[in-house]
């Protein structure tokens, strides 16, 4: 939602669950989207900047992730597909 992102993960195999809230720059309508936590962590780990840009049109479309201060040729652009969330 506006100004914050809540990250949540759940592991049914071990019964673990975690939630974290981070400040973001976002002023659109609230959205809920799900991604594989291991894939998302790997993308963030490989991005060598403090901030990333996540571009998505909706919670059911692919998300493009790239460094905020990306130079033209020195960084990768990542694409991650959303998961279907159970309501």
C-alpha atoms as a PDB file:
ATOM      1  CA  UNK A   1       0.000   0.000   0.000  1.00  0.00           C
ATOM      2  CA  UNK A   2       1.036   3.628  -0.027  1.00  0.00           C
ATOM      3  CA  UNK A   3       4.523   3.959   1.456  1.00  0.00           C
ATOM      4  CA  UNK A   4       4.840   0.457   2.933  1.00  0.00           C
ATOM      5  CA  UNK A   5       5.287  -3.118   1.786  1.00  0.00           C
ATOM      6  CA  UNK A   6       4.512  -6.039   4.033  1.00  0.00           C
ATOM      7  CA  UNK A   7       6.594  -9.116   3.293  1.00  0.00           C
ATOM      8  CA  UNK A   8       5.340 -12.434   4.626  1.00  0.00           C
ATOM      9  CA  UNK A   9       6.599 -15.969   4.230  1.00  0.00           C
ATOM     10  CA  UNK A  10       5.354 -19.305   5.468  1.00  0.00           C
ATOM     11  CA  UNK A  11       6.998 -22.723   5.461  1.00  0.00           C
ATOM     12  CA  UNK A  12       4.465 -25.504   6.011  1.00  0.00           C
ATOM     13  CA  UNK A  13       7.213 -28.142   6.222  1.00  0.00           C
ATOM     14  CA  UNK A  14       8.649 -26.735   9.449  1.00  0.00           C
ATOM     15  CA  UNK A  15       5.679 -24.683  10.605  1.00  0.00           C
ATOM     16  CA  UNK A  16       7.574 -21.394  10.376  1.00  0.00           C
ATOM     17  CA  UNK A  17       6.158 -18.002   9.491  1.00  0.00           C
ATOM     18  CA  UNK A  18       7.659 -14.519   9.264  1.00  0.00           C
ATOM     19  CA  UNK A  19       6.414 -10.982   8.548  1.00  0.00           C
ATOM     20  CA  UNK A  20       8.372  -7.799   7.907  1.00  0.00           C
ATOM     21  CA  UNK A  21       7.280  -4.282   6.962  1.00  0.00           C
ATOM     22  CA  UNK A  22       9.552  -2.053   4.875  1.00  0.00           C
ATOM     23  CA  UNK A  23       9.228   1.520   3.659  1.00  0.00           C
ATOM     24  CA  UNK A  24       8.814   1.905  -0.100  1.00  0.00           C
ATOM     25  CA  UNK A  25       8.016   4.592  -2.641  1.00  0.00           C
ATOM     26  CA  UNK A  26       4.560   3.625  -3.913  1.00  0.00           C
ATOM     27  CA  UNK A  27       1.389   5.651  -4.229  1.00  0.00           C
ATOM     28  CA  UNK A  28      -0.898   3.396  -6.265  1.00  0.00           C
ATOM     29  CA  UNK A  29      -3.826   1.285  -5.195  1.00  0.00           C
ATOM     30  CA  UNK A  30      -3.080  -1.395  -2.559  1.00  0.00           C
ATOM     31  CA  UNK A  31      -2.051  -4.709  -4.134  1.00  0.00           C
ATOM     32  CA  UNK A  32      -1.358  -8.229  -2.898  1.00  0.00           C
ATOM     33  CA  UNK A  33       1.067 -10.355  -4.915  1.00  0.00           C
ATOM     34  CA  UNK A  34       2.872 -13.601  -4.151  1.00  0.00           C
ATOM     35  CA  UNK A  35       6.334 -14.715  -5.248  1.00  0.00           C
ATOM     36  CA  UNK A  36       8.566 -17.649  -4.417  1.00  0.00           C
ATOM     37  CA  UNK A  37      10.589 -16.361  -1.451  1.00  0.00           C
ATOM     38  CA  UNK A  38      13.749 -18.275  -2.439  1.00  0.00           C
ATOM     39  CA  UNK A  39      13.687 -16.837  -5.976  1.00  0.00           C
ATOM     40  CA  UNK A  40      13.019 -13.302  -4.726  1.00  0.00           C
ATOM     41  CA  UNK A  41      15.807 -13.566  -2.121  1.00  0.00           C
ATOM     42  CA  UNK A  42      18.259 -14.752  -4.773  1.00  0.00           C
ATOM     43  CA  UNK A  43      17.417 -11.803  -7.028  1.00  0.00           C
ATOM     44  CA  UNK A  44      17.861  -9.312  -4.175  1.00  0.00           C
ATOM     45  CA  UNK A  45      21.121 -10.987  -3.103  1.00  0.00           C
ATOM     46  CA  UNK A  46      22.547 -10.707  -6.642  1.00  0.00           C
ATOM     47  CA  UNK A  47      21.584  -7.040  -6.987  1.00  0.00           C
ATOM     48  CA  UNK A  48      24.508  -4.976  -5.755  1.00  0.00           C
ATOM     49  CA  UNK A  49      22.535  -1.845  -4.854  1.00  0.00           C
ATOM     50  CA  UNK A  50      20.661  -0.750  -1.748  1.00  0.00           C
ATOM     51  CA  UNK A  51      17.443  -0.092  -3.677  1.00  0.00           C
ATOM     52  CA  UNK A  52      15.641  -2.028  -6.377  1.00  0.00           C
ATOM     53  CA  UNK A  53      12.782  -1.089  -8.667  1.00  0.00           C
ATOM     54  CA  UNK A  54       9.937  -3.599  -8.929  1.00  0.00           C
ATOM     55  CA  UNK A  55       7.754  -2.947 -11.982  1.00  0.00           C
ATOM     56  CA  UNK A  56       4.421  -4.735 -12.299  1.00  0.00           C
ATOM     57  CA  UNK A  57       1.069  -3.935 -13.839  1.00  0.00           C
ATOM     58  CA  UNK A  58      -1.000  -6.159 -11.568  1.00  0.00           C
ATOM     59  CA  UNK A  59      -0.641  -8.953  -9.027  1.00  0.00           C
ATOM     60  CA  UNK A  60      -1.075 -11.563 -11.769  1.00  0.00           C
ATOM     61  CA  UNK A  61       1.512 -10.284 -14.251  1.00  0.00           C
ATOM     62  CA  UNK A  62       5.286 -10.755 -14.272  1.00  0.00           C
ATOM     63  CA  UNK A  63       7.392  -8.453 -12.116  1.00  0.00           C
ATOM     64  CA  UNK A  64      10.584  -6.920 -13.493  1.00  0.00           C
ATOM     65  CA  UNK A  65      13.229  -6.179 -10.873  1.00  0.00           C
ATOM     66  CA  UNK A  66      16.261  -3.990 -11.515  1.00  0.00           C
ATOM     67  CA  UNK A  67      18.663  -1.789  -9.551  1.00  0.00           C
ATOM     68  CA  UNK A  68      17.474   1.783  -9.023  1.00  0.00           C
ATOM     69  CA  UNK A  69      20.837   3.236 -10.021  1.00  0.00           C
ATOM     70  CA  UNK A  70      21.306   0.850 -12.945  1.00  0.00           C
ATOM     71  CA  UNK A  71      23.912   1.736 -15.522  1.00  0.00           C
ATOM     72  CA  UNK A  72      23.180   0.853 -19.135  1.00  0.00           C
ATOM     73  CA  UNK A  73      25.311  -2.271 -19.449  1.00  0.00           C
ATOM     74  CA  UNK A  74      26.610  -3.379 -16.072  1.00  0.00           C
ATOM     75  CA  UNK A  75      23.577  -4.870 -14.322  1.00  0.00           C
ATOM     76  CA  UNK A  76      21.108  -7.631 -14.981  1.00  0.00           C
ATOM     77  CA  UNK A  77      17.366  -7.207 -15.185  1.00  0.00           C
ATOM     78  CA  UNK A  78      15.348  -9.944 -13.469  1.00  0.00           C
ATOM     79  CA  UNK A  79      11.861 -11.228 -14.185  1.00  0.00           C
ATOM     80  CA  UNK A  80       9.855 -13.174 -11.620  1.00  0.00           C
ATOM     81  CA  UNK A  81       6.428 -14.686 -12.162  1.00  0.00           C
ATOM     82  CA  UNK A  82       3.761 -14.414  -9.458  1.00  0.00           C
ATOM     83  CA  UNK A  83       2.306 -17.334  -7.560  1.00  0.00           C
ATOM     84  CA  UNK A  84      -1.390 -17.960  -7.258  1.00  0.00           C
ATOM     85  CA  UNK A  85      -2.347 -17.090  -3.693  1.00  0.00           C
ATOM     86  CA  UNK A  86      -5.052 -18.893  -1.774  1.00  0.00           C
ATOM     87  CA  UNK A  87      -7.466 -16.386  -0.284  1.00  0.00           C
END
